[in-house]
């Protein structure tokens, strides 16, 4: 338990320190956000706010994880590598936006190639792992496992890519993605603590060692997001950019993959799912009927255009996420 607290505190203070140094640096480098013309008019005032702040989260997450991880490093190295890999894709996207001074960076096919490439590596690695394998823990089933067999690889690729892009889509309001992800990672830390204690008492030492370090990883992610919120809450002093949003989605996804908790994402990450669904419905409706379902998608922008203040939308999303995460914790304990 102590190591969880240490990891949260360390990543929190590292994120604070990195933010106090990094945000002014990003301003001096003129790494300002380009705001899309078709977005909410209230967002035009955010143009020029430093972006690529996801580096702050990545520095804190990586440092705290490496400081407090113990014993078997294989899975935590894997989780960090995947997170940093997606963060690198996001950074390339952010840099193109900054350098070319436009609201769009990498082309869609370039992003998807990079995302799929890493996701396929993740899926095959997990499938062939003696600890992870093709079995998933089923919520509300008393520890029952579901063996996907050969379907595990495409399923895991889908989870990885979907999660990364869902977090990217929800990152549209100050503090929204970082706040919701912080709550998710805190919930997974609690769940992993319970799994660790179970593995220790049942003599599954190898599994316990891997889960122990993933618990540190998840705790560090919680602290990093909390520290980043100091600079990202309304009015944001810095945006995480795709550097942060892709990395956060990857961190959540790979954490559930290593711990075999992918099915829990439907519960804890329901707002991510609904955000993506709102975009799919909007695009599909417009292409088929030439009519929009929402005033704007993702759906949080719909609420904005209905006159709901940005801070209230973010607070509501975070409260709902807390409730969903409590349900998820109960579902596996």
C-alpha atoms as a PDB file:
ATOM      1  CA  UNK A   1       0.000   0.000   0.000  1.00  0.00           C
ATOM      2  CA  UNK A   2       2.829   2.421   0.868  1.00  0.00           C
ATOM      3  CA  UNK A   3       4.392   2.057  -2.562  1.00  0.00           C
ATOM      4  CA  UNK A   4       1.119   3.159  -4.184  1.00  0.00           C
ATOM      5  CA  UNK A   5       1.064   6.347  -2.124  1.00  0.00           C
ATOM      6  CA  UNK A   6       4.735   7.004  -2.892  1.00  0.00           C
ATOM      7  CA  UNK A   7       4.183   6.501  -6.628  1.00  0.00           C
ATOM      8  CA  UNK A   8       1.164   8.836  -6.677  1.00  0.00           C
ATOM      9  CA  UNK A   9       2.964  11.540  -4.698  1.00  0.00           C
ATOM     10  CA  UNK A  10       6.194  11.249  -6.681  1.00  0.00           C
ATOM     11  CA  UNK A  11       4.480  11.474 -10.062  1.00  0.00           C
ATOM     12  CA  UNK A  12       2.291  14.329  -8.810  1.00  0.00           C
ATOM     13  CA  UNK A  13       5.241  16.445  -7.680  1.00  0.00           C
ATOM     14  CA  UNK A  14       7.305  15.553 -10.749  1.00  0.00           C
ATOM     15  CA  UNK A  15       4.388  16.657 -12.941  1.00  0.00           C
ATOM     16  CA  UNK A  16       4.119  19.906 -10.981  1.00  0.00           C
ATOM     17  CA  UNK A  17       7.838  20.574 -11.345  1.00  0.00           C
ATOM     18  CA  UNK A  18       7.797  19.654 -15.039  1.00  0.00           C
ATOM     19  CA  UNK A  19       4.787  21.911 -15.549  1.00  0.00           C
ATOM     20  CA  UNK A  20       6.319  24.931 -13.861  1.00  0.00           C
ATOM     21  CA  UNK A  21       9.398  24.502 -16.051  1.00  0.00           C
ATOM     22  CA  UNK A  22       7.733  23.210 -19.204  1.00  0.00           C
ATOM     23  CA  UNK A  23       4.743  25.530 -19.646  1.00  0.00           C
ATOM     24  CA  UNK A  24       6.836  28.740 -19.811  1.00  0.00           C
ATOM     25  CA  UNK A  25       9.264  26.916 -22.116  1.00  0.00           C
ATOM     26  CA  UNK A  26       6.459  25.905 -24.480  1.00  0.00           C
ATOM     27  CA  UNK A  27       5.319  29.536 -24.502  1.00  0.00           C
ATOM     28  CA  UNK A  28       8.805  30.779 -25.371  1.00  0.00           C
ATOM     29  CA  UNK A  29       9.069  28.200 -28.144  1.00  0.00           C
ATOM     30  CA  UNK A  30       5.681  29.441 -29.422  1.00  0.00           C
ATOM     31  CA  UNK A  31       4.226  25.924 -29.335  1.00  0.00           C
ATOM     32  CA  UNK A  32       0.697  27.347 -29.458  1.00  0.00           C
ATOM     33  CA  UNK A  33      -2.520  25.475 -30.209  1.00  0.00           C
ATOM     34  CA  UNK A  34      -4.204  26.106 -33.551  1.00  0.00           C
ATOM     35  CA  UNK A  35      -7.985  26.221 -33.053  1.00  0.00           C
ATOM     36  CA  UNK A  36     -10.250  24.737 -35.724  1.00  0.00           C
ATOM     37  CA  UNK A  37     -12.587  27.186 -37.451  1.00  0.00           C
ATOM     38  CA  UNK A  38     -15.501  24.727 -37.266  1.00  0.00           C
ATOM     39  CA  UNK A  39     -15.278  24.360 -33.485  1.00  0.00           C
ATOM     40  CA  UNK A  40     -17.291  26.212 -30.821  1.00  0.00           C
ATOM     41  CA  UNK A  41     -16.812  29.984 -31.100  1.00  0.00           C
ATOM     42  CA  UNK A  42     -15.913  30.152 -27.411  1.00  0.00           C
ATOM     43  CA  UNK A  43     -12.768  28.147 -28.186  1.00  0.00           C
ATOM     44  CA  UNK A  44     -11.324  30.838 -30.443  1.00  0.00           C
ATOM     45  CA  UNK A  45      -9.974  32.595 -27.348  1.00  0.00           C
ATOM     46  CA  UNK A  46      -7.888  29.479 -26.631  1.00  0.00           C
ATOM     47  CA  UNK A  47      -5.801  29.931 -29.769  1.00  0.00           C
ATOM     48  CA  UNK A  48      -2.130  30.207 -28.901  1.00  0.00           C
ATOM     49  CA  UNK A  49      -2.392  28.302 -25.607  1.00  0.00           C
ATOM     50  CA  UNK A  50       0.731  26.108 -25.359  1.00  0.00           C
ATOM     51  CA  UNK A  51       0.152  22.542 -26.511  1.00  0.00           C
ATOM     52  CA  UNK A  52       2.139  19.279 -26.359  1.00  0.00           C
ATOM     53  CA  UNK A  53       1.831  19.386 -22.563  1.00  0.00           C
ATOM     54  CA  UNK A  54       1.394  15.622 -22.597  1.00  0.00           C
ATOM     55  CA  UNK A  55       5.172  15.520 -22.257  1.00  0.00           C
ATOM     56  CA  UNK A  56       4.652  16.632 -18.640  1.00  0.00           C
ATOM     57  CA  UNK A  57       2.488  13.573 -17.981  1.00  0.00           C
ATOM     58  CA  UNK A  58       4.917  11.229 -19.731  1.00  0.00           C
ATOM     59  CA  UNK A  59       7.926  12.524 -17.789  1.00  0.00           C
ATOM     60  CA  UNK A  60       6.132  12.119 -14.454  1.00  0.00           C
ATOM     61  CA  UNK A  61       4.669   8.707 -15.326  1.00  0.00           C
ATOM     62  CA  UNK A  62       7.961   7.291 -16.576  1.00  0.00           C
ATOM     63  CA  UNK A  63      10.099   8.662 -13.741  1.00  0.00           C
ATOM     64  CA  UNK A  64       7.799   7.572 -10.906  1.00  0.00           C
ATOM     65  CA  UNK A  65       7.250   4.118 -12.418  1.00  0.00           C
ATOM     66  CA  UNK A  66      10.970   3.466 -12.823  1.00  0.00           C
ATOM     67  CA  UNK A  67      11.713   4.726  -9.307  1.00  0.00           C
ATOM     68  CA  UNK A  68       9.192   2.493  -7.541  1.00  0.00           C
ATOM     69  CA  UNK A  69       8.891  -0.597  -9.765  1.00  0.00           C
ATOM     70  CA  UNK A  70      10.486  -3.666  -8.186  1.00  0.00           C
ATOM     71  CA  UNK A  71      11.403  -7.213  -9.161  1.00  0.00           C
ATOM     72  CA  UNK A  72       9.956  -8.355 -12.482  1.00  0.00           C
ATOM     73  CA  UNK A  73      10.233  -5.402 -14.872  1.00  0.00           C
ATOM     74  CA  UNK A  74       9.051  -7.147 -18.058  1.00  0.00           C
ATOM     75  CA  UNK A  75       5.429  -6.043 -18.071  1.00  0.00           C
ATOM     76  CA  UNK A  76       5.999  -2.546 -16.750  1.00  0.00           C
ATOM     77  CA  UNK A  77       8.725  -1.971 -19.375  1.00  0.00           C
ATOM     78  CA  UNK A  78       6.236  -3.190 -21.942  1.00  0.00           C
ATOM     79  CA  UNK A  79       3.524  -0.830 -20.670  1.00  0.00           C
ATOM     80  CA  UNK A  80       5.893   2.138 -20.663  1.00  0.00           C
ATOM     81  CA  UNK A  81       7.181   1.349 -24.156  1.00  0.00           C
ATOM     82  CA  UNK A  82       3.650   1.149 -25.573  1.00  0.00           C
ATOM     83  CA  UNK A  83       2.598   4.364 -23.836  1.00  0.00           C
ATOM     84  CA  UNK A  84       5.674   6.230 -25.058  1.00  0.00           C
ATOM     85  CA  UNK A  85       5.214   4.786 -28.550  1.00  0.00           C
ATOM     86  CA  UNK A  86       1.726   6.234 -28.861  1.00  0.00           C
ATOM     87  CA  UNK A  87       2.948   9.435 -27.242  1.00  0.00           C
ATOM     88  CA  UNK A  88       5.565   9.686 -29.994  1.00  0.00           C
ATOM     89  CA  UNK A  89       2.875   9.386 -32.686  1.00  0.00           C
ATOM     90  CA  UNK A  90       0.969  12.156 -30.940  1.00  0.00           C
ATOM     91  CA  UNK A  91       4.087  14.298 -30.654  1.00  0.00           C
ATOM     92  CA  UNK A  92       4.721  14.013 -34.387  1.00  0.00           C
ATOM     93  CA  UNK A  93       1.134  15.119 -34.978  1.00  0.00           C
ATOM     94  CA  UNK A  94       1.494  18.072 -32.597  1.00  0.00           C
ATOM     95  CA  UNK A  95       4.798  19.188 -34.113  1.00  0.00           C
ATOM     96  CA  UNK A  96       3.340  19.225 -37.629  1.00  0.00           C
ATOM     97  CA  UNK A  97       0.446  21.366 -36.373  1.00  0.00           C
ATOM     98  CA  UNK A  98       2.854  23.755 -34.650  1.00  0.00           C
ATOM     99  CA  UNK A  99       5.410  23.998 -37.447  1.00  0.00           C
ATOM    100  CA  UNK A 100       2.887  24.297 -40.282  1.00  0.00           C
ATOM    101  CA  UNK A 101       0.516  26.436 -38.176  1.00  0.00           C
ATOM    102  CA  UNK A 102      -2.614  24.499 -39.069  1.00  0.00           C
ATOM    103  CA  UNK A 103      -5.282  22.696 -37.041  1.00  0.00           C
ATOM    104  CA  UNK A 104      -4.567  19.234 -38.500  1.00  0.00           C
ATOM    105  CA  UNK A 105      -1.272  17.368 -38.244  1.00  0.00           C
ATOM    106  CA  UNK A 106      -0.590  13.837 -39.478  1.00  0.00           C
ATOM    107  CA  UNK A 107      -2.943  12.532 -42.143  1.00  0.00           C
ATOM    108  CA  UNK A 108      -5.559  10.039 -40.986  1.00  0.00           C
ATOM    109  CA  UNK A 109      -3.942   7.076 -42.760  1.00  0.00           C
ATOM    110  CA  UNK A 110      -0.550   7.912 -41.227  1.00  0.00           C
ATOM    111  CA  UNK A 111      -2.028   7.913 -37.728  1.00  0.00           C
ATOM    112  CA  UNK A 112      -3.903   4.667 -38.219  1.00  0.00           C
ATOM    113  CA  UNK A 113      -0.856   2.873 -39.640  1.00  0.00           C
ATOM    114  CA  UNK A 114       1.202   3.851 -36.603  1.00  0.00           C
ATOM    115  CA  UNK A 115      -1.568   2.996 -34.160  1.00  0.00           C
ATOM    116  CA  UNK A 116      -2.329  -0.365 -35.766  1.00  0.00           C
ATOM    117  CA  UNK A 117       1.351  -1.258 -35.943  1.00  0.00           C
ATOM    118  CA  UNK A 118       1.860  -0.832 -32.207  1.00  0.00           C
ATOM    119  CA  UNK A 119      -1.502  -2.448 -31.390  1.00  0.00           C
ATOM    120  CA  UNK A 120      -0.640  -5.581 -33.385  1.00  0.00           C
ATOM    121  CA  UNK A 121       2.674  -5.895 -31.534  1.00  0.00           C
ATOM    122  CA  UNK A 122       0.831  -5.505 -28.217  1.00  0.00           C
ATOM    123  CA  UNK A 123      -1.758  -8.143 -29.155  1.00  0.00           C
ATOM    124  CA  UNK A 124       0.757 -10.801 -30.192  1.00  0.00           C
ATOM    125  CA  UNK A 125       3.006 -10.090 -27.217  1.00  0.00           C
ATOM    126  CA  UNK A 126       0.104 -10.495 -24.784  1.00  0.00           C
ATOM    127  CA  UNK A 127      -1.282 -13.558 -26.567  1.00  0.00           C
ATOM    128  CA  UNK A 128       2.069 -15.357 -26.336  1.00  0.00           C
ATOM    129  CA  UNK A 129       2.755 -14.300 -22.751  1.00  0.00           C
ATOM    130  CA  UNK A 130       2.591 -17.137 -20.189  1.00  0.00           C
ATOM    131  CA  UNK A 131       1.013 -14.772 -17.658  1.00  0.00           C
ATOM    132  CA  UNK A 132      -1.420 -12.817 -19.861  1.00  0.00           C
ATOM    133  CA  UNK A 133      -2.541 -15.245 -22.579  1.00  0.00           C
ATOM    134  CA  UNK A 134      -5.957 -15.160 -24.244  1.00  0.00           C
ATOM    135  CA  UNK A 135      -8.194 -15.187 -21.156  1.00  0.00           C
ATOM    136  CA  UNK A 136     -10.140 -12.155 -19.927  1.00  0.00           C
ATOM    137  CA  UNK A 137     -11.530 -11.595 -16.441  1.00  0.00           C
ATOM    138  CA  UNK A 138     -15.319 -11.239 -16.644  1.00  0.00           C
ATOM    139  CA  UNK A 139     -16.909  -8.552 -14.401  1.00  0.00           C
ATOM    140  CA  UNK A 140     -19.723  -9.589 -12.038  1.00  0.00           C
ATOM    141  CA  UNK A 141     -18.867 -13.264 -12.574  1.00  0.00           C
ATOM    142  CA  UNK A 142     -16.980 -14.160  -9.405  1.00  0.00           C
ATOM    143  CA  UNK A 143     -13.579 -14.484 -11.030  1.00  0.00           C
ATOM    144  CA  UNK A 144     -14.773 -16.343 -14.126  1.00  0.00           C
ATOM    145  CA  UNK A 145     -12.492 -16.089 -17.157  1.00  0.00           C
ATOM    146  CA  UNK A 146     -13.396 -15.971 -20.847  1.00  0.00           C
ATOM    147  CA  UNK A 147     -10.927 -17.575 -23.217  1.00  0.00           C
ATOM    148  CA  UNK A 148     -11.034 -15.820 -26.598  1.00  0.00           C
ATOM    149  CA  UNK A 149      -8.576 -18.198 -28.219  1.00  0.00           C
ATOM    150  CA  UNK A 150      -7.541 -16.968 -31.663  1.00  0.00           C
ATOM    151  CA  UNK A 151      -9.983 -14.066 -31.460  1.00  0.00           C
ATOM    152  CA  UNK A 152      -7.837 -12.515 -28.739  1.00  0.00           C
ATOM    153  CA  UNK A 153      -5.470 -10.818 -31.187  1.00  0.00           C
ATOM    154  CA  UNK A 154      -8.079  -8.887 -33.243  1.00  0.00           C
ATOM    155  CA  UNK A 155     -10.008  -8.106 -30.059  1.00  0.00           C
ATOM    156  CA  UNK A 156      -6.929  -6.628 -28.397  1.00  0.00           C
ATOM    157  CA  UNK A 157      -6.027  -4.607 -31.493  1.00  0.00           C
ATOM    158  CA  UNK A 158      -9.579  -3.217 -31.465  1.00  0.00           C
ATOM    159  CA  UNK A 159      -9.399  -2.349 -27.751  1.00  0.00           C
ATOM    160  CA  UNK A 160      -6.019  -0.665 -28.149  1.00  0.00           C
ATOM    161  CA  UNK A 161      -6.885   1.481 -31.164  1.00  0.00           C
ATOM    162  CA  UNK A 162     -10.402   2.293 -29.917  1.00  0.00           C
ATOM    163  CA  UNK A 163      -9.182   3.397 -26.507  1.00  0.00           C
ATOM    164  CA  UNK A 164      -6.418   5.582 -27.898  1.00  0.00           C
ATOM    165  CA  UNK A 165      -8.789   7.383 -30.251  1.00  0.00           C
ATOM    166  CA  UNK A 166     -11.587   7.662 -27.693  1.00  0.00           C
ATOM    167  CA  UNK A 167      -9.345   9.504 -25.234  1.00  0.00           C
ATOM    168  CA  UNK A 168      -8.180  11.673 -28.118  1.00  0.00           C
ATOM    169  CA  UNK A 169     -11.810  12.557 -28.929  1.00  0.00           C
ATOM    170  CA  UNK A 170     -12.764  13.356 -25.338  1.00  0.00           C
ATOM    171  CA  UNK A 171      -9.852  15.785 -25.060  1.00  0.00           C
ATOM    172  CA  UNK A 172     -11.898  18.783 -26.148  1.00  0.00           C
ATOM    173  CA  UNK A 173     -12.500  20.721 -22.925  1.00  0.00           C
ATOM    174  CA  UNK A 174     -10.095  22.024 -20.295  1.00  0.00           C
ATOM    175  CA  UNK A 175      -9.324  19.266 -17.802  1.00  0.00           C
ATOM    176  CA  UNK A 176     -11.730  16.734 -19.312  1.00  0.00           C
ATOM    177  CA  UNK A 177      -9.398  14.020 -20.632  1.00  0.00           C
ATOM    178  CA  UNK A 178      -6.887  14.374 -17.796  1.00  0.00           C
ATOM    179  CA  UNK A 179      -9.620  14.391 -15.135  1.00  0.00           C
ATOM    180  CA  UNK A 180     -11.557  11.399 -16.435  1.00  0.00           C
ATOM    181  CA  UNK A 181      -8.345   9.439 -17.029  1.00  0.00           C
ATOM    182  CA  UNK A 182      -7.072  10.256 -13.533  1.00  0.00           C
ATOM    183  CA  UNK A 183     -10.221   8.741 -12.017  1.00  0.00           C
ATOM    184  CA  UNK A 184      -9.973   5.680 -14.278  1.00  0.00           C
ATOM    185  CA  UNK A 185      -6.345   5.047 -13.367  1.00  0.00           C
ATOM    186  CA  UNK A 186      -7.089   5.501  -9.655  1.00  0.00           C
ATOM    187  CA  UNK A 187      -9.827   2.876  -9.921  1.00  0.00           C
ATOM    188  CA  UNK A 188      -7.517   0.440 -11.692  1.00  0.00           C
ATOM    189  CA  UNK A 189      -4.905   0.995  -8.989  1.00  0.00           C
ATOM    190  CA  UNK A 190      -7.435  -0.115  -6.370  1.00  0.00           C
ATOM    191  CA  UNK A 191      -8.486  -3.114  -8.475  1.00  0.00           C
ATOM    192  CA  UNK A 192      -4.869  -4.135  -9.086  1.00  0.00           C
ATOM    193  CA  UNK A 193      -4.147  -3.906  -5.361  1.00  0.00           C
ATOM    194  CA  UNK A 194      -6.936  -6.396  -4.738  1.00  0.00           C
ATOM    195  CA  UNK A 195      -5.603  -8.710  -7.461  1.00  0.00           C
ATOM    196  CA  UNK A 196      -2.081  -8.468  -6.046  1.00  0.00           C
ATOM    197  CA  UNK A 197      -3.256  -9.449  -2.563  1.00  0.00           C
ATOM    198  CA  UNK A 198      -5.222 -12.376  -4.011  1.00  0.00           C
ATOM    199  CA  UNK A 199      -2.228 -13.650  -6.003  1.00  0.00           C
ATOM    200  CA  UNK A 200       0.047 -13.396  -2.963  1.00  0.00           C
ATOM    201  CA  UNK A 201      -2.332 -15.336  -0.715  1.00  0.00           C
ATOM    202  CA  UNK A 202      -2.838 -18.051  -3.352  1.00  0.00           C
ATOM    203  CA  UNK A 203       0.883 -18.440  -4.040  1.00  0.00           C
ATOM    204  CA  UNK A 204       0.883 -17.070  -7.591  1.00  0.00           C
ATOM    205  CA  UNK A 205       4.150 -15.210  -7.039  1.00  0.00           C
ATOM    206  CA  UNK A 206       5.015 -14.631 -10.712  1.00  0.00           C
ATOM    207  CA  UNK A 207       1.623 -13.099 -11.444  1.00  0.00           C
ATOM    208  CA  UNK A 208       1.817 -11.071  -8.224  1.00  0.00           C
ATOM    209  CA  UNK A 209       5.190  -9.613  -9.238  1.00  0.00           C
ATOM    210  CA  UNK A 210       3.841  -8.468 -12.602  1.00  0.00           C
ATOM    211  CA  UNK A 211       0.661  -7.018 -11.094  1.00  0.00           C
ATOM    212  CA  UNK A 212       2.684  -5.241  -8.396  1.00  0.00           C
ATOM    213  CA  UNK A 213       4.564  -3.185 -10.965  1.00  0.00           C
ATOM    214  CA  UNK A 214       1.437  -2.516 -13.016  1.00  0.00           C
ATOM    215  CA  UNK A 215      -0.094  -1.220  -9.797  1.00  0.00           C
ATOM    216  CA  UNK A 216       2.829   1.213  -9.522  1.00  0.00           C
ATOM    217  CA  UNK A 217       2.358   2.177 -13.188  1.00  0.00           C
ATOM    218  CA  UNK A 218      -1.339   2.887 -12.658  1.00  0.00           C
ATOM    219  CA  UNK A 219      -0.678   4.845  -9.458  1.00  0.00           C
ATOM    220  CA  UNK A 220       1.978   6.904 -11.239  1.00  0.00           C
ATOM    221  CA  UNK A 221      -0.493   7.649 -14.034  1.00  0.00           C
ATOM    222  CA  UNK A 222      -2.994   8.868 -11.433  1.00  0.00           C
ATOM    223  CA  UNK A 223      -0.475  11.235  -9.860  1.00  0.00           C
ATOM    224  CA  UNK A 224       0.779  12.474 -13.225  1.00  0.00           C
ATOM    225  CA  UNK A 225      -2.747  13.372 -14.365  1.00  0.00           C
ATOM    226  CA  UNK A 226      -3.471  15.059 -11.032  1.00  0.00           C
ATOM    227  CA  UNK A 227      -0.317  17.163 -11.295  1.00  0.00           C
ATOM    228  CA  UNK A 228      -1.081  18.037 -14.905  1.00  0.00           C
ATOM    229  CA  UNK A 229      -4.569  19.229 -13.913  1.00  0.00           C
ATOM    230  CA  UNK A 230      -2.885  22.103 -12.044  1.00  0.00           C
ATOM    231  CA  UNK A 231      -2.134  23.567 -15.478  1.00  0.00           C
ATOM    232  CA  UNK A 232      -4.983  22.066 -17.510  1.00  0.00           C
ATOM    233  CA  UNK A 233      -8.140  23.029 -15.601  1.00  0.00           C
ATOM    234  CA  UNK A 234     -10.224  25.930 -16.897  1.00  0.00           C
ATOM    235  CA  UNK A 235      -8.833  28.260 -18.079  1.00  0.00           C
ATOM    236  CA  UNK A 236      -6.073  25.927 -19.248  1.00  0.00           C
ATOM    237  CA  UNK A 237      -2.504  27.188 -19.207  1.00  0.00           C
ATOM    238  CA  UNK A 238      -1.463  24.263 -21.401  1.00  0.00           C
ATOM    239  CA  UNK A 239      -3.124  21.560 -23.510  1.00  0.00           C
ATOM    240  CA  UNK A 240      -1.897  17.973 -23.529  1.00  0.00           C
ATOM    241  CA  UNK A 241      -2.164  17.736 -27.325  1.00  0.00           C
ATOM    242  CA  UNK A 242      -2.128  14.398 -29.101  1.00  0.00           C
ATOM    243  CA  UNK A 243       1.148  13.727 -27.275  1.00  0.00           C
ATOM    244  CA  UNK A 244      -0.884  13.370 -24.111  1.00  0.00           C
ATOM    245  CA  UNK A 245      -4.234  12.063 -25.319  1.00  0.00           C
ATOM    246  CA  UNK A 246      -2.824   9.189 -27.380  1.00  0.00           C
ATOM    247  CA  UNK A 247      -0.432   8.280 -24.561  1.00  0.00           C
ATOM    248  CA  UNK A 248      -3.190   8.327 -21.934  1.00  0.00           C
ATOM    249  CA  UNK A 249      -5.415   6.092 -24.034  1.00  0.00           C
ATOM    250  CA  UNK A 250      -2.516   3.715 -24.581  1.00  0.00           C
ATOM    251  CA  UNK A 251      -1.630   3.657 -20.877  1.00  0.00           C
ATOM    252  CA  UNK A 252      -5.184   2.754 -19.862  1.00  0.00           C
ATOM    253  CA  UNK A 253      -5.532   0.139 -22.593  1.00  0.00           C
ATOM    254  CA  UNK A 254      -2.191  -1.585 -22.046  1.00  0.00           C
ATOM    255  CA  UNK A 255      -2.762  -1.576 -18.288  1.00  0.00           C
ATOM    256  CA  UNK A 256      -6.014  -3.498 -18.706  1.00  0.00           C
ATOM    257  CA  UNK A 257      -4.436  -5.829 -21.269  1.00  0.00           C
ATOM    258  CA  UNK A 258      -1.582  -6.844 -18.962  1.00  0.00           C
ATOM    259  CA  UNK A 259      -4.004  -7.361 -16.063  1.00  0.00           C
ATOM    260  CA  UNK A 260      -6.626  -9.035 -18.332  1.00  0.00           C
ATOM    261  CA  UNK A 261      -9.257  -6.443 -17.379  1.00  0.00           C
ATOM    262  CA  UNK A 262     -10.161  -5.194 -20.867  1.00  0.00           C
ATOM    263  CA  UNK A 263     -13.875  -5.848 -20.339  1.00  0.00           C
ATOM    264  CA  UNK A 264     -13.887  -3.373 -17.453  1.00  0.00           C
ATOM    265  CA  UNK A 265     -13.210  -0.554 -19.905  1.00  0.00           C
ATOM    266  CA  UNK A 266     -16.848  -0.770 -20.975  1.00  0.00           C
ATOM    267  CA  UNK A 267     -17.743   0.274 -17.417  1.00  0.00           C
ATOM    268  CA  UNK A 268     -14.981   2.649 -16.298  1.00  0.00           C
ATOM    269  CA  UNK A 269     -14.543   4.072 -19.781  1.00  0.00           C
ATOM    270  CA  UNK A 270     -18.223   4.363 -20.674  1.00  0.00           C
ATOM    271  CA  UNK A 271     -17.880   8.102 -21.294  1.00  0.00           C
ATOM    272  CA  UNK A 272     -14.998   7.446 -23.685  1.00  0.00           C
ATOM    273  CA  UNK A 273     -17.233   4.968 -25.500  1.00  0.00           C
ATOM    274  CA  UNK A 274     -20.192   7.357 -25.670  1.00  0.00           C
ATOM    275  CA  UNK A 275     -17.920  10.113 -26.952  1.00  0.00           C
ATOM    276  CA  UNK A 276     -16.779   7.917 -29.832  1.00  0.00           C
ATOM    277  CA  UNK A 277     -20.310   6.685 -30.510  1.00  0.00           C
ATOM    278  CA  UNK A 278     -21.560  10.286 -30.730  1.00  0.00           C
ATOM    279  CA  UNK A 279     -19.005  10.994 -33.463  1.00  0.00           C
ATOM    280  CA  UNK A 280     -19.881   7.811 -35.371  1.00  0.00           C
ATOM    281  CA  UNK A 281     -23.614   8.579 -35.181  1.00  0.00           C
ATOM    282  CA  UNK A 282     -23.080  12.180 -36.254  1.00  0.00           C
ATOM    283  CA  UNK A 283     -20.950  11.268 -39.264  1.00  0.00           C
ATOM    284  CA  UNK A 284     -23.206   8.358 -40.237  1.00  0.00           C
ATOM    285  CA  UNK A 285     -26.381  10.416 -39.959  1.00  0.00           C
ATOM    286  CA  UNK A 286     -24.968  13.255 -42.025  1.00  0.00           C
ATOM    287  CA  UNK A 287     -23.713  10.940 -44.769  1.00  0.00           C
ATOM    288  CA  UNK A 288     -26.939   8.947 -44.976  1.00  0.00           C
ATOM    289  CA  UNK A 289     -29.582  11.610 -44.274  1.00  0.00           C
ATOM    290  CA  UNK A 290     -27.746  14.921 -44.614  1.00  0.00           C
ATOM    291  CA  UNK A 291     -28.959  15.656 -41.087  1.00  0.00           C
ATOM    292  CA  UNK A 292     -27.019  16.054 -37.852  1.00  0.00           C
ATOM    293  CA  UNK A 293     -28.143  14.397 -34.630  1.00  0.00           C
ATOM    294  CA  UNK A 294     -26.143  16.728 -32.382  1.00  0.00           C
ATOM    295  CA  UNK A 295     -25.325  20.385 -32.730  1.00  0.00           C
ATOM    296  CA  UNK A 296     -21.703  19.289 -32.783  1.00  0.00           C
ATOM    297  CA  UNK A 297     -19.769  16.109 -32.095  1.00  0.00           C
ATOM    298  CA  UNK A 298     -18.169  14.864 -29.895  1.00  0.00           C
ATOM    299  CA  UNK A 299     -21.152  15.219 -27.613  1.00  0.00           C
ATOM    300  CA  UNK A 300     -19.451  17.460 -25.033  1.00  0.00           C
ATOM    301  CA  UNK A 301     -19.405  20.189 -27.704  1.00  0.00           C
ATOM    302  CA  UNK A 302     -23.149  19.643 -28.191  1.00  0.00           C
ATOM    303  CA  UNK A 303     -23.657  20.493 -24.515  1.00  0.00           C
ATOM    304  CA  UNK A 304     -21.418  23.543 -24.922  1.00  0.00           C
ATOM    305  CA  UNK A 305     -23.518  24.844 -27.795  1.00  0.00           C
ATOM    306  CA  UNK A 306     -26.645  24.248 -25.704  1.00  0.00           C
ATOM    307  CA  UNK A 307     -25.235  26.805 -23.263  1.00  0.00           C
ATOM    308  CA  UNK A 308     -23.842  24.530 -20.539  1.00  0.00           C
ATOM    309  CA  UNK A 309     -20.644  26.061 -19.100  1.00  0.00           C
ATOM    310  CA  UNK A 310     -17.439  24.167 -19.856  1.00  0.00           C
ATOM    311  CA  UNK A 311     -16.616  23.721 -16.165  1.00  0.00           C
ATOM    312  CA  UNK A 312     -20.029  22.163 -15.463  1.00  0.00           C
ATOM    313  CA  UNK A 313     -19.640  19.669 -18.307  1.00  0.00           C
ATOM    314  CA  UNK A 314     -16.218  18.611 -17.024  1.00  0.00           C
ATOM    315  CA  UNK A 315     -17.468  18.311 -13.428  1.00  0.00           C
ATOM    316  CA  UNK A 316     -20.447  16.226 -14.560  1.00  0.00           C
ATOM    317  CA  UNK A 317     -18.235  13.886 -16.592  1.00  0.00           C
ATOM    318  CA  UNK A 318     -15.896  13.418 -13.640  1.00  0.00           C
ATOM    319  CA  UNK A 319     -18.744  12.689 -11.211  1.00  0.00           C
ATOM    320  CA  UNK A 320     -20.244  10.119 -13.568  1.00  0.00           C
ATOM    321  CA  UNK A 321     -16.800   8.546 -13.999  1.00  0.00           C
ATOM    322  CA  UNK A 322     -16.410   8.217 -10.219  1.00  0.00           C
ATOM    323  CA  UNK A 323     -19.725   6.336 -10.034  1.00  0.00           C
ATOM    324  CA  UNK A 324     -18.809   4.094 -12.970  1.00  0.00           C
ATOM    325  CA  UNK A 325     -15.438   3.294 -11.421  1.00  0.00           C
ATOM    326  CA  UNK A 326     -17.054   2.374  -8.103  1.00  0.00           C
ATOM    327  CA  UNK A 327     -19.293  -0.056  -9.991  1.00  0.00           C
ATOM    328  CA  UNK A 328     -16.223  -1.504 -11.731  1.00  0.00           C
ATOM    329  CA  UNK A 329     -14.382  -1.989  -8.432  1.00  0.00           C
ATOM    330  CA  UNK A 330     -17.383  -3.832  -6.988  1.00  0.00           C
ATOM    331  CA  UNK A 331     -17.667  -5.985 -10.119  1.00  0.00           C
ATOM    332  CA  UNK A 332     -14.323  -7.711  -9.555  1.00  0.00           C
ATOM    333  CA  UNK A 333     -14.219  -7.844  -5.746  1.00  0.00           C
END
